[in-house]
């Protein structure tokens, strides 16, 4: 059965304890992907309504004419000159040139911001955890720590009497669950430790796809 894409899904709020409930929208919890899609739908709904207003229709008509004139000038260099020879220097054309300068400046500023953000992301400190394969985790590490959020929780769990293992793929997560079950049966953990470790396993299971992608990206 074909799984619906995020654009096709009926997005409903999540319970706060859901591992994927990481972002809020209108005071409800969703995953990051769901919030992004909800914002897109909200923006599109507003744009669709605006396009039906008088000001929206006039603005769109102006925009289409602007693009048509721009394309015409690109294909017909002679159109930049008036019939009697000198370059076009009329008020209407000056408005067009002003609009073009604004678009070019905005595009240049946007590219500069993207460049700086990319440099910042490349400089961001990475998690120091190394997988069994020897590859390093590529996720950004937490502020003031050496590990990303998931591996930091895994390290905390290891310190609480029980080593659950790496838990970075479905098999190792299943092994971690068996270890926790055994410790519970043997009475080695108190209720607080059980809750902490169970949450860590839940978080690892949620992150397993993302961590697998990170490993593939480093290959």
N, C-alpha and C. Protein backbone atom coordinates (compact mmCIF):
# COMPACT_ATOMS: atom_id res chain seq x y z
N UNK A 1 0.83 -1.20 0.00
CA UNK A 1 0.00 0.00 0.00
C UNK A 1 0.87 1.24 0.00
N UNK A 2 0.54 2.18 -0.86
CA UNK A 2 1.33 3.40 -0.99
C UNK A 2 1.18 4.27 0.26
N UNK A 3 2.33 4.59 0.88
CA UNK A 3 2.30 5.45 2.07
C UNK A 3 2.16 6.91 1.64
N UNK A 4 1.23 7.60 2.26
CA UNK A 4 0.99 8.99 1.90
C UNK A 4 2.18 9.87 2.27
N UNK A 5 2.47 10.84 1.41
CA UNK A 5 3.53 11.79 1.71
C UNK A 5 3.04 12.77 2.76
N UNK A 6 3.96 13.55 3.31
CA UNK A 6 3.59 14.52 4.33
C UNK A 6 2.61 15.55 3.79
N UNK A 7 2.68 15.85 2.47
CA UNK A 7 1.77 16.81 1.86
C UNK A 7 0.35 16.26 1.75
N UNK A 8 0.22 14.93 1.73
CA UNK A 8 -1.09 14.30 1.57
C UNK A 8 -1.74 13.94 2.89
N UNK A 9 -0.96 13.89 3.94
CA UNK A 9 -1.45 13.40 5.22
C UNK A 9 -2.35 14.39 5.96
N UNK A 10 -3.27 13.84 6.74
CA UNK A 10 -4.05 14.62 7.67
C UNK A 10 -3.23 14.71 8.96
N UNK A 11 -2.63 15.86 9.22
CA UNK A 11 -1.70 16.00 10.34
C UNK A 11 -2.47 16.32 11.62
N UNK A 12 -2.30 15.45 12.61
CA UNK A 12 -2.98 15.63 13.89
C UNK A 12 -1.94 15.87 14.99
N UNK A 13 -2.33 16.62 16.04
CA UNK A 13 -1.38 16.87 17.15
C UNK A 13 -0.91 15.58 17.79
N UNK A 14 0.31 15.60 18.30
CA UNK A 14 0.89 14.45 18.99
C UNK A 14 0.83 14.65 20.50
N UNK A 15 0.91 13.54 21.22
CA UNK A 15 1.01 13.62 22.67
C UNK A 15 2.40 14.17 23.03
N UNK A 16 2.48 14.91 24.11
CA UNK A 16 3.74 15.55 24.49
C UNK A 16 4.85 14.53 24.71
N UNK A 17 4.51 13.32 25.19
CA UNK A 17 5.54 12.31 25.45
C UNK A 17 6.02 11.58 24.22
N UNK A 18 5.40 11.82 23.07
CA UNK A 18 5.80 11.18 21.82
C UNK A 18 7.22 11.62 21.47
N UNK A 19 8.15 10.65 21.20
CA UNK A 19 9.53 11.05 20.86
C UNK A 19 9.61 11.99 19.67
N UNK A 20 8.62 11.93 18.77
CA UNK A 20 8.66 12.81 17.60
C UNK A 20 7.99 14.16 17.86
N UNK A 21 7.42 14.33 19.04
CA UNK A 21 6.77 15.60 19.37
C UNK A 21 7.83 16.59 19.83
N UNK A 22 8.57 17.15 18.87
CA UNK A 22 9.73 18.00 19.19
C UNK A 22 9.49 19.48 18.93
N UNK A 23 8.40 19.82 18.22
CA UNK A 23 8.14 21.22 17.88
C UNK A 23 6.66 21.53 18.12
N UNK A 24 6.39 22.81 18.38
CA UNK A 24 5.00 23.21 18.62
C UNK A 24 4.50 24.12 17.49
N UNK A 25 3.21 24.03 17.26
CA UNK A 25 2.53 24.88 16.28
C UNK A 25 1.13 25.16 16.83
N UNK A 26 0.84 26.45 17.06
CA UNK A 26 -0.44 26.84 17.66
C UNK A 26 -0.70 26.10 18.97
N UNK A 27 0.37 25.98 19.78
CA UNK A 27 0.29 25.37 21.12
C UNK A 27 0.05 23.86 21.11
N UNK A 28 0.27 23.19 19.97
CA UNK A 28 0.17 21.74 19.89
C UNK A 28 1.52 21.17 19.47
N UNK A 29 1.76 19.90 19.83
CA UNK A 29 3.03 19.25 19.55
C UNK A 29 2.98 18.46 18.24
N UNK A 30 4.07 18.59 17.46
CA UNK A 30 4.22 17.87 16.19
C UNK A 30 5.70 17.54 16.00
N UNK A 31 5.98 16.76 14.97
CA UNK A 31 7.38 16.55 14.58
C UNK A 31 7.84 17.78 13.80
N UNK A 32 9.15 17.88 13.62
CA UNK A 32 9.70 19.03 12.88
C UNK A 32 9.16 19.05 11.45
N UNK A 33 9.09 17.88 10.81
CA UNK A 33 8.60 17.78 9.44
C UNK A 33 7.14 18.22 9.36
N UNK A 34 6.35 17.85 10.35
CA UNK A 34 4.93 18.21 10.36
C UNK A 34 4.74 19.70 10.55
N UNK A 35 5.53 20.32 11.41
CA UNK A 35 5.43 21.77 11.61
C UNK A 35 5.80 22.51 10.33
N UNK A 36 6.84 22.04 9.65
CA UNK A 36 7.23 22.65 8.38
C UNK A 36 6.09 22.58 7.37
N UNK A 37 5.41 21.42 7.30
CA UNK A 37 4.30 21.25 6.37
C UNK A 37 3.10 22.11 6.77
N UNK A 38 2.82 22.21 8.07
CA UNK A 38 1.71 23.04 8.55
C UNK A 38 1.96 24.52 8.22
N UNK A 39 3.18 24.95 8.36
CA UNK A 39 3.53 26.33 8.00
C UNK A 39 3.35 26.56 6.51
N UNK A 40 3.75 25.56 5.71
CA UNK A 40 3.59 25.68 4.26
C UNK A 40 2.11 25.79 3.89
N UNK A 41 1.28 24.97 4.52
CA UNK A 41 -0.16 25.01 4.23
C UNK A 41 -0.76 26.34 4.66
N UNK A 42 -0.33 26.84 5.81
CA UNK A 42 -0.85 28.12 6.31
C UNK A 42 -0.49 29.25 5.33
N UNK A 43 0.76 29.23 4.88
CA UNK A 43 1.22 30.26 3.94
C UNK A 43 0.46 30.15 2.62
N UNK A 44 0.28 28.94 2.11
CA UNK A 44 -0.42 28.73 0.84
C UNK A 44 -1.87 29.17 0.94
N UNK A 45 -2.51 28.84 2.06
CA UNK A 45 -3.91 29.24 2.23
C UNK A 45 -4.04 30.76 2.22
N UNK A 46 -3.12 31.44 2.89
CA UNK A 46 -3.13 32.90 2.90
C UNK A 46 -2.88 33.47 1.52
N UNK A 47 -1.93 32.85 0.79
CA UNK A 47 -1.61 33.34 -0.55
C UNK A 47 -2.79 33.14 -1.49
N UNK A 48 -3.45 31.97 -1.40
CA UNK A 48 -4.61 31.70 -2.26
C UNK A 48 -5.72 32.73 -2.03
N UNK A 49 -5.95 33.08 -0.76
CA UNK A 49 -6.98 34.07 -0.44
C UNK A 49 -6.59 35.45 -0.96
N UNK A 50 -5.30 35.78 -0.81
CA UNK A 50 -4.82 37.10 -1.26
C UNK A 50 -4.96 37.24 -2.77
N UNK A 51 -4.69 36.15 -3.51
CA UNK A 51 -4.77 36.21 -4.97
C UNK A 51 -6.18 36.50 -5.47
N UNK A 52 -7.19 36.28 -4.63
CA UNK A 52 -8.57 36.54 -5.02
C UNK A 52 -9.01 37.97 -4.70
N UNK A 53 -8.19 38.72 -3.96
CA UNK A 53 -8.53 40.10 -3.64
C UNK A 53 -8.20 41.01 -4.81
N UNK A 54 -8.75 42.23 -4.81
CA UNK A 54 -8.46 43.19 -5.88
C UNK A 54 -6.98 43.50 -5.93
N UNK A 55 -6.38 43.75 -4.74
CA UNK A 55 -4.95 44.08 -4.73
C UNK A 55 -4.09 42.92 -5.19
N UNK A 56 -4.52 41.70 -4.86
CA UNK A 56 -3.76 40.53 -5.29
C UNK A 56 -3.80 40.35 -6.79
N UNK A 57 -4.98 40.53 -7.38
CA UNK A 57 -5.12 40.37 -8.83
C UNK A 57 -4.31 41.43 -9.57
N UNK A 58 -4.34 42.68 -9.07
CA UNK A 58 -3.58 43.76 -9.71
C UNK A 58 -2.07 43.49 -9.60
N UNK A 59 -1.64 43.03 -8.42
CA UNK A 59 -0.22 42.75 -8.22
C UNK A 59 0.25 41.61 -9.12
N UNK A 60 -0.54 40.56 -9.25
CA UNK A 60 -0.17 39.44 -10.11
C UNK A 60 -0.12 39.85 -11.58
N UNK A 61 -1.09 40.70 -11.98
CA UNK A 61 -1.09 41.18 -13.36
C UNK A 61 0.16 42.01 -13.64
N UNK A 62 0.55 42.85 -12.65
CA UNK A 62 1.76 43.65 -12.78
C UNK A 62 3.00 42.75 -12.86
N UNK A 63 3.04 41.71 -12.01
CA UNK A 63 4.18 40.81 -11.98
C UNK A 63 4.34 40.06 -13.30
N UNK A 64 3.23 39.58 -13.85
CA UNK A 64 3.31 38.85 -15.12
C UNK A 64 3.78 39.77 -16.25
N UNK A 65 3.26 41.02 -16.27
CA UNK A 65 3.68 41.98 -17.29
C UNK A 65 5.16 42.32 -17.12
N UNK A 66 5.61 42.42 -15.85
CA UNK A 66 7.02 42.70 -15.56
C UNK A 66 7.91 41.60 -16.15
N UNK A 67 7.54 40.34 -15.92
CA UNK A 67 8.33 39.23 -16.44
C UNK A 67 8.31 39.19 -17.97
N UNK A 68 7.15 39.49 -18.53
CA UNK A 68 7.04 39.49 -19.99
C UNK A 68 7.92 40.57 -20.61
N UNK A 69 7.91 41.77 -19.99
CA UNK A 69 8.74 42.86 -20.49
C UNK A 69 10.23 42.54 -20.33
N UNK A 70 10.59 41.94 -19.21
CA UNK A 70 11.98 41.55 -18.96
C UNK A 70 12.45 40.57 -20.03
N UNK A 71 11.64 39.56 -20.32
CA UNK A 71 11.99 38.58 -21.33
C UNK A 71 12.11 39.23 -22.71
N UNK A 72 11.20 40.16 -23.01
CA UNK A 72 11.22 40.85 -24.31
C UNK A 72 12.51 41.65 -24.47
N UNK A 73 12.93 42.36 -23.42
CA UNK A 73 14.17 43.13 -23.49
C UNK A 73 15.38 42.23 -23.67
N UNK A 74 15.36 41.06 -23.03
CA UNK A 74 16.48 40.13 -23.15
C UNK A 74 16.60 39.58 -24.57
N UNK A 75 15.46 39.41 -25.23
CA UNK A 75 15.45 38.85 -26.57
C UNK A 75 15.55 39.91 -27.66
N UNK A 76 15.29 41.15 -27.30
CA UNK A 76 15.30 42.25 -28.28
C UNK A 76 16.06 43.43 -27.71
N UNK A 77 17.37 43.46 -27.92
CA UNK A 77 18.21 44.51 -27.37
C UNK A 77 17.82 45.90 -27.90
N UNK A 78 17.29 45.94 -29.11
CA UNK A 78 16.91 47.23 -29.70
C UNK A 78 15.76 47.88 -28.93
N UNK A 79 15.01 47.07 -28.17
CA UNK A 79 13.88 47.63 -27.41
C UNK A 79 14.34 48.53 -26.27
N UNK A 80 15.62 48.51 -25.96
CA UNK A 80 16.16 49.37 -24.91
C UNK A 80 16.37 50.81 -25.41
N UNK A 81 16.14 51.01 -26.69
CA UNK A 81 16.33 52.35 -27.26
C UNK A 81 14.99 52.89 -27.75
N UNK A 82 14.83 54.19 -27.65
CA UNK A 82 13.61 54.83 -28.13
C UNK A 82 13.63 54.88 -29.66
N UNK A 83 12.49 55.05 -30.30
CA UNK A 83 12.42 55.06 -31.77
C UNK A 83 13.35 56.05 -32.45
N UNK A 84 13.63 57.17 -31.75
CA UNK A 84 14.50 58.18 -32.39
C UNK A 84 15.96 58.03 -32.00
N UNK A 85 16.34 56.94 -31.35
CA UNK A 85 17.75 56.65 -31.15
C UNK A 85 18.26 56.54 -29.73
N UNK A 86 18.04 57.52 -28.85
CA UNK A 86 18.63 57.48 -27.50
C UNK A 86 18.07 56.31 -26.68
N UNK A 87 18.82 55.89 -25.66
CA UNK A 87 18.30 54.84 -24.77
C UNK A 87 17.00 55.27 -24.10
N UNK A 88 16.15 54.31 -23.82
CA UNK A 88 14.86 54.60 -23.18
C UNK A 88 15.11 55.23 -21.81
N UNK A 89 14.50 56.38 -21.55
CA UNK A 89 14.70 57.10 -20.30
C UNK A 89 13.37 57.69 -19.82
N UNK A 90 12.33 56.87 -19.89
CA UNK A 90 11.00 57.34 -19.51
C UNK A 90 10.66 56.89 -18.09
N UNK A 91 9.71 57.56 -17.48
CA UNK A 91 9.34 57.27 -16.10
C UNK A 91 8.94 55.80 -15.92
N UNK A 92 8.16 55.28 -16.88
CA UNK A 92 7.70 53.90 -16.79
C UNK A 92 8.88 52.92 -16.81
N UNK A 93 9.86 53.21 -17.69
CA UNK A 93 11.00 52.31 -17.79
C UNK A 93 11.91 52.45 -16.56
N UNK A 94 12.00 53.65 -16.00
CA UNK A 94 12.80 53.85 -14.79
C UNK A 94 12.23 53.02 -13.63
N UNK A 95 10.91 52.93 -13.57
CA UNK A 95 10.27 52.11 -12.55
C UNK A 95 10.67 50.65 -12.73
N UNK A 96 10.69 50.21 -13.99
CA UNK A 96 11.10 48.83 -14.28
C UNK A 96 12.55 48.60 -13.86
N UNK A 97 13.44 49.54 -14.20
CA UNK A 97 14.85 49.39 -13.85
C UNK A 97 15.04 49.39 -12.34
N UNK A 98 14.27 50.20 -11.64
CA UNK A 98 14.35 50.22 -10.18
C UNK A 98 13.94 48.87 -9.60
N UNK A 99 12.88 48.29 -10.16
CA UNK A 99 12.44 46.96 -9.72
C UNK A 99 13.50 45.91 -9.97
N UNK A 100 14.17 45.98 -11.12
CA UNK A 100 15.22 45.02 -11.44
C UNK A 100 16.38 45.14 -10.46
N UNK A 101 16.76 46.37 -10.12
CA UNK A 101 17.85 46.56 -9.16
C UNK A 101 17.49 45.97 -7.79
N UNK A 102 16.23 46.17 -7.38
CA UNK A 102 15.79 45.62 -6.10
C UNK A 102 15.87 44.10 -6.11
N UNK A 103 15.44 43.48 -7.21
CA UNK A 103 15.48 42.02 -7.32
C UNK A 103 16.92 41.51 -7.28
N UNK A 104 17.80 42.18 -8.00
CA UNK A 104 19.21 41.77 -8.03
C UNK A 104 19.86 41.93 -6.67
N UNK A 105 19.55 43.04 -5.96
CA UNK A 105 20.12 43.26 -4.62
C UNK A 105 19.61 42.20 -3.65
N UNK A 106 18.33 41.89 -3.75
CA UNK A 106 17.75 40.89 -2.85
C UNK A 106 18.36 39.51 -3.09
N UNK A 107 18.54 39.16 -4.37
CA UNK A 107 19.12 37.87 -4.70
C UNK A 107 20.56 37.80 -4.22
N UNK A 108 21.30 38.89 -4.35
CA UNK A 108 22.69 38.92 -3.89
C UNK A 108 22.75 38.77 -2.37
N UNK A 109 21.87 39.49 -1.65
CA UNK A 109 21.83 39.38 -0.18
C UNK A 109 21.45 37.97 0.24
N UNK A 110 20.48 37.38 -0.47
CA UNK A 110 20.03 36.02 -0.13
C UNK A 110 21.17 35.02 -0.32
N UNK A 111 21.90 35.14 -1.41
CA UNK A 111 23.02 34.23 -1.66
C UNK A 111 24.11 34.40 -0.60
N UNK A 112 24.32 35.63 -0.17
CA UNK A 112 25.34 35.88 0.86
C UNK A 112 24.93 35.25 2.18
N UNK A 113 23.64 35.35 2.54
CA UNK A 113 23.14 34.74 3.77
C UNK A 113 23.27 33.22 3.71
N UNK A 114 22.91 32.64 2.55
CA UNK A 114 23.04 31.19 2.39
C UNK A 114 24.50 30.75 2.50
N UNK A 115 25.40 31.55 1.93
CA UNK A 115 26.82 31.21 2.00
C UNK A 115 27.32 31.23 3.43
N UNK A 116 26.92 32.27 4.20
CA UNK A 116 27.35 32.38 5.58
C UNK A 116 26.78 31.26 6.44
N UNK A 117 25.50 30.93 6.19
CA UNK A 117 24.88 29.84 6.96
C UNK A 117 25.55 28.51 6.68
N UNK A 118 25.94 28.29 5.41
CA UNK A 118 26.63 27.06 5.05
C UNK A 118 27.98 26.98 5.74
N UNK A 119 28.71 28.10 5.76
CA UNK A 119 30.00 28.13 6.43
C UNK A 119 29.84 27.87 7.93
N UNK A 120 28.78 28.46 8.52
CA UNK A 120 28.53 28.26 9.95
C UNK A 120 28.22 26.80 10.26
N UNK A 121 27.40 26.17 9.38
CA UNK A 121 27.06 24.76 9.58
C UNK A 121 28.30 23.88 9.45
N UNK A 122 29.18 24.23 8.50
CA UNK A 122 30.40 23.44 8.31
C UNK A 122 31.35 23.58 9.48
N UNK A 123 31.29 24.74 10.16
CA UNK A 123 32.16 24.97 11.32
C UNK A 123 31.59 24.38 12.60
N UNK A 124 30.31 24.02 12.59
CA UNK A 124 29.64 23.53 13.80
C UNK A 124 30.35 22.28 14.32
N UNK A 125 30.54 22.25 15.63
CA UNK A 125 31.20 21.10 16.25
C UNK A 125 30.33 19.85 16.09
N UNK A 126 30.98 18.72 15.81
CA UNK A 126 30.28 17.47 15.58
C UNK A 126 30.44 16.52 16.76
N UNK A 127 29.47 15.63 16.87
CA UNK A 127 29.47 14.61 17.92
C UNK A 127 30.75 13.77 17.84
N UNK A 128 31.36 13.50 19.00
CA UNK A 128 32.62 12.77 19.05
C UNK A 128 32.44 11.25 19.14
N UNK A 129 31.18 10.80 19.11
CA UNK A 129 30.95 9.35 19.17
C UNK A 129 31.40 8.68 17.88
N UNK A 130 32.03 7.52 18.01
CA UNK A 130 32.45 6.75 16.85
C UNK A 130 31.65 5.43 16.82
N UNK A 131 31.12 5.10 15.64
CA UNK A 131 30.37 3.87 15.47
C UNK A 131 31.32 2.67 15.48
N UNK A 132 30.73 1.49 15.56
CA UNK A 132 31.54 0.27 15.57
C UNK A 132 32.37 0.15 14.29
N UNK A 133 31.88 0.75 13.21
CA UNK A 133 32.60 0.71 11.93
C UNK A 133 33.82 1.63 11.93
N UNK A 134 33.92 2.49 12.94
CA UNK A 134 35.02 3.46 12.99
C UNK A 134 34.63 4.84 12.51
N UNK A 135 33.46 4.94 11.85
CA UNK A 135 32.99 6.23 11.35
C UNK A 135 32.53 7.10 12.52
N UNK A 136 32.74 8.42 12.38
CA UNK A 136 32.31 9.34 13.43
C UNK A 136 30.89 9.82 13.17
N UNK A 137 30.11 9.98 14.23
CA UNK A 137 28.74 10.51 14.11
C UNK A 137 28.82 11.92 13.55
N UNK A 138 28.00 12.22 12.55
CA UNK A 138 28.05 13.53 11.90
C UNK A 138 27.06 14.54 12.45
N UNK A 139 26.29 14.18 13.49
CA UNK A 139 25.29 15.10 14.03
C UNK A 139 25.95 16.20 14.86
N UNK A 140 25.38 17.42 14.87
CA UNK A 140 25.93 18.49 15.70
C UNK A 140 25.89 18.10 17.17
N UNK A 141 26.96 18.39 17.90
CA UNK A 141 26.97 18.04 19.32
C UNK A 141 26.24 19.10 20.14
N UNK A 142 25.81 18.71 21.32
CA UNK A 142 25.08 19.62 22.20
C UNK A 142 26.01 20.71 22.72
N UNK A 143 25.44 21.87 23.00
CA UNK A 143 26.23 22.99 23.48
C UNK A 143 26.91 22.63 24.80
N UNK A 144 28.22 22.83 24.84
CA UNK A 144 28.97 22.55 26.05
C UNK A 144 29.29 21.08 26.26
N UNK A 145 28.95 20.21 25.30
CA UNK A 145 29.21 18.78 25.44
C UNK A 145 29.94 18.25 24.21
N UNK A 146 30.42 17.01 24.32
CA UNK A 146 31.16 16.40 23.23
C UNK A 146 30.29 15.53 22.33
N UNK A 147 29.03 15.28 22.76
CA UNK A 147 28.17 14.35 22.03
C UNK A 147 26.89 15.02 21.57
N UNK A 148 26.23 14.41 20.57
CA UNK A 148 24.91 14.86 20.14
C UNK A 148 23.89 14.45 21.21
N UNK A 149 22.64 14.86 21.05
CA UNK A 149 21.64 14.59 22.07
C UNK A 149 21.44 13.08 22.30
N UNK A 150 21.35 12.31 21.20
CA UNK A 150 21.10 10.88 21.36
C UNK A 150 22.25 10.17 22.05
N UNK A 151 23.48 10.43 21.59
CA UNK A 151 24.62 9.72 22.17
C UNK A 151 24.93 10.21 23.58
N UNK A 152 24.56 11.45 23.89
CA UNK A 152 24.70 11.93 25.26
C UNK A 152 23.78 11.16 26.19
N UNK A 153 22.52 10.91 25.73
CA UNK A 153 21.59 10.13 26.54
C UNK A 153 22.05 8.69 26.68
N UNK A 154 22.62 8.15 25.62
CA UNK A 154 23.14 6.79 25.68
C UNK A 154 24.28 6.67 26.69
N UNK A 155 25.13 7.69 26.74
CA UNK A 155 26.24 7.67 27.69
C UNK A 155 25.73 7.77 29.12
N UNK A 156 24.70 8.60 29.32
CA UNK A 156 24.10 8.70 30.65
C UNK A 156 23.52 7.35 31.07
N UNK A 157 22.86 6.69 30.12
CA UNK A 157 22.25 5.40 30.43
C UNK A 157 23.31 4.37 30.80
N UNK A 158 24.44 4.41 30.12
CA UNK A 158 25.52 3.46 30.41
C UNK A 158 26.04 3.64 31.82
N UNK A 159 26.03 4.88 32.30
CA UNK A 159 26.53 5.18 33.63
C UNK A 159 25.60 4.69 34.74
N UNK A 160 24.35 4.35 34.38
CA UNK A 160 23.38 3.91 35.39
C UNK A 160 23.37 2.38 35.48
N UNK A 161 24.45 1.80 35.94
CA UNK A 161 24.55 0.38 36.28
C UNK A 161 24.45 -0.58 35.10
N UNK A 162 23.97 -0.17 33.98
CA UNK A 162 23.68 -1.12 32.91
C UNK A 162 24.17 -0.60 31.57
N UNK A 163 24.95 -1.42 30.86
CA UNK A 163 25.43 -1.07 29.53
C UNK A 163 24.46 -1.66 28.50
N UNK A 164 23.71 -0.80 27.82
CA UNK A 164 22.74 -1.26 26.83
C UNK A 164 23.38 -1.50 25.47
N UNK A 165 24.66 -1.18 25.32
CA UNK A 165 25.30 -1.33 24.03
C UNK A 165 25.12 -0.08 23.17
N UNK A 166 25.63 -0.09 21.93
CA UNK A 166 25.61 1.10 21.08
C UNK A 166 24.21 1.55 20.66
N UNK A 167 23.28 0.62 20.46
CA UNK A 167 21.90 0.93 20.04
C UNK A 167 21.86 1.91 18.87
N UNK A 168 22.55 1.58 17.78
CA UNK A 168 22.59 2.45 16.62
C UNK A 168 22.05 1.77 15.36
N UNK A 169 21.42 0.61 15.54
CA UNK A 169 20.72 -0.05 14.44
C UNK A 169 19.64 -0.93 15.08
N UNK A 170 18.66 -1.43 14.29
CA UNK A 170 17.56 -2.22 14.88
C UNK A 170 18.03 -3.41 15.71
N UNK A 171 19.07 -4.11 15.26
CA UNK A 171 19.53 -5.29 16.00
C UNK A 171 20.10 -4.90 17.36
N UNK A 172 20.94 -3.85 17.40
CA UNK A 172 21.54 -3.47 18.68
C UNK A 172 20.50 -2.86 19.62
N UNK A 173 19.46 -2.22 19.07
CA UNK A 173 18.37 -1.71 19.91
C UNK A 173 17.62 -2.88 20.55
N UNK A 174 17.35 -3.92 19.76
CA UNK A 174 16.67 -5.10 20.29
C UNK A 174 17.51 -5.76 21.39
N UNK A 175 18.82 -5.77 21.21
CA UNK A 175 19.71 -6.33 22.23
C UNK A 175 19.64 -5.50 23.51
N UNK A 176 19.58 -4.16 23.34
CA UNK A 176 19.46 -3.28 24.49
C UNK A 176 18.18 -3.52 25.26
N UNK A 177 17.07 -3.77 24.52
CA UNK A 177 15.79 -4.06 25.16
C UNK A 177 15.88 -5.35 25.99
N UNK A 178 16.55 -6.37 25.44
CA UNK A 178 16.70 -7.64 26.15
C UNK A 178 17.53 -7.45 27.42
N UNK A 179 18.58 -6.63 27.35
CA UNK A 179 19.41 -6.37 28.52
C UNK A 179 18.59 -5.67 29.61
N UNK A 180 17.77 -4.70 29.19
CA UNK A 180 16.95 -3.98 30.15
C UNK A 180 15.93 -4.93 30.79
N UNK A 181 15.32 -5.80 29.97
CA UNK A 181 14.36 -6.77 30.50
C UNK A 181 15.02 -7.68 31.55
N UNK A 182 16.21 -8.12 31.22
CA UNK A 182 16.92 -8.99 32.16
C UNK A 182 17.25 -8.29 33.47
N UNK A 183 17.67 -7.02 33.38
CA UNK A 183 18.00 -6.26 34.58
C UNK A 183 16.77 -6.04 35.44
N UNK A 184 15.62 -5.80 34.78
CA UNK A 184 14.36 -5.60 35.52
C UNK A 184 13.97 -6.87 36.24
N UNK A 185 14.04 -8.02 35.54
CA UNK A 185 13.70 -9.31 36.14
C UNK A 185 14.62 -9.63 37.32
N UNK A 186 15.91 -9.29 37.18
CA UNK A 186 16.88 -9.57 38.24
C UNK A 186 16.82 -8.56 39.38
N UNK A 187 16.00 -7.50 39.21
CA UNK A 187 15.86 -6.50 40.27
C UNK A 187 17.08 -5.62 40.45
N UNK A 188 17.84 -5.41 39.37
CA UNK A 188 19.07 -4.61 39.47
C UNK A 188 18.82 -3.11 39.40
N UNK A 189 17.63 -2.68 38.97
CA UNK A 189 17.36 -1.26 38.77
C UNK A 189 16.15 -0.83 39.58
N UNK A 190 16.17 0.45 39.98
CA UNK A 190 14.98 0.99 40.63
C UNK A 190 14.07 1.58 39.55
N UNK A 191 12.88 2.03 39.96
CA UNK A 191 11.88 2.51 38.99
C UNK A 191 12.38 3.73 38.22
N UNK A 192 13.12 4.60 38.87
CA UNK A 192 13.63 5.79 38.19
C UNK A 192 14.62 5.42 37.10
N UNK A 193 15.51 4.49 37.41
CA UNK A 193 16.50 4.04 36.44
C UNK A 193 15.83 3.32 35.27
N UNK A 194 14.81 2.52 35.58
CA UNK A 194 14.08 1.82 34.52
C UNK A 194 13.44 2.82 33.57
N UNK A 195 12.79 3.84 34.13
CA UNK A 195 12.15 4.86 33.30
C UNK A 195 13.16 5.60 32.44
N UNK A 196 14.32 5.92 33.03
CA UNK A 196 15.36 6.64 32.30
C UNK A 196 15.89 5.80 31.14
N UNK A 197 16.16 4.53 31.40
CA UNK A 197 16.69 3.65 30.36
C UNK A 197 15.65 3.34 29.29
N UNK A 198 14.40 3.18 29.70
CA UNK A 198 13.34 2.91 28.72
C UNK A 198 13.18 4.09 27.78
N UNK A 199 13.27 5.30 28.32
CA UNK A 199 13.16 6.49 27.47
C UNK A 199 14.34 6.55 26.50
N UNK A 200 15.51 6.17 26.99
CA UNK A 200 16.70 6.19 26.13
C UNK A 200 16.54 5.22 24.96
N UNK A 201 16.01 4.04 25.23
CA UNK A 201 15.77 3.07 24.16
C UNK A 201 14.75 3.62 23.17
N UNK A 202 13.70 4.24 23.70
CA UNK A 202 12.68 4.83 22.84
C UNK A 202 13.28 5.90 21.95
N UNK A 203 14.15 6.73 22.51
CA UNK A 203 14.80 7.79 21.74
C UNK A 203 15.74 7.21 20.69
N UNK A 204 16.46 6.16 21.04
CA UNK A 204 17.37 5.51 20.08
C UNK A 204 16.59 4.91 18.92
N UNK A 205 15.44 4.27 19.22
CA UNK A 205 14.62 3.68 18.17
C UNK A 205 14.10 4.74 17.22
N UNK A 206 13.74 5.88 17.78
CA UNK A 206 13.25 7.00 16.95
C UNK A 206 14.35 7.55 16.06
N UNK A 207 15.58 7.56 16.57
CA UNK A 207 16.69 8.18 15.85
C UNK A 207 17.41 7.23 14.90
N UNK A 208 17.05 5.94 14.91
CA UNK A 208 17.86 4.97 14.19
C UNK A 208 17.93 5.27 12.70
N UNK A 209 16.82 5.74 12.10
CA UNK A 209 16.84 6.05 10.67
C UNK A 209 17.77 7.22 10.39
N UNK A 210 17.68 8.25 11.24
CA UNK A 210 18.52 9.44 11.04
C UNK A 210 19.98 9.11 11.20
N UNK A 211 20.31 8.32 12.21
CA UNK A 211 21.72 7.98 12.41
C UNK A 211 22.25 7.11 11.29
N UNK A 212 21.39 6.26 10.72
CA UNK A 212 21.82 5.44 9.58
C UNK A 212 22.12 6.33 8.39
N UNK A 213 21.30 7.38 8.19
CA UNK A 213 21.53 8.31 7.09
C UNK A 213 22.85 9.03 7.28
N UNK A 214 23.13 9.43 8.54
CA UNK A 214 24.39 10.13 8.81
C UNK A 214 25.57 9.24 8.46
N UNK A 215 25.45 7.96 8.83
CA UNK A 215 26.55 7.03 8.54
C UNK A 215 26.74 6.90 7.05
N UNK A 216 25.63 6.85 6.27
CA UNK A 216 25.77 6.72 4.82
C UNK A 216 26.38 7.96 4.21
N UNK A 217 26.04 9.14 4.75
CA UNK A 217 26.58 10.38 4.20
C UNK A 217 28.07 10.49 4.35
N UNK A 218 28.63 9.81 5.37
CA UNK A 218 30.06 9.91 5.59
C UNK A 218 30.85 8.91 4.79
N UNK A 219 30.13 8.03 4.09
CA UNK A 219 30.85 7.00 3.31
C UNK A 219 31.48 7.61 2.07
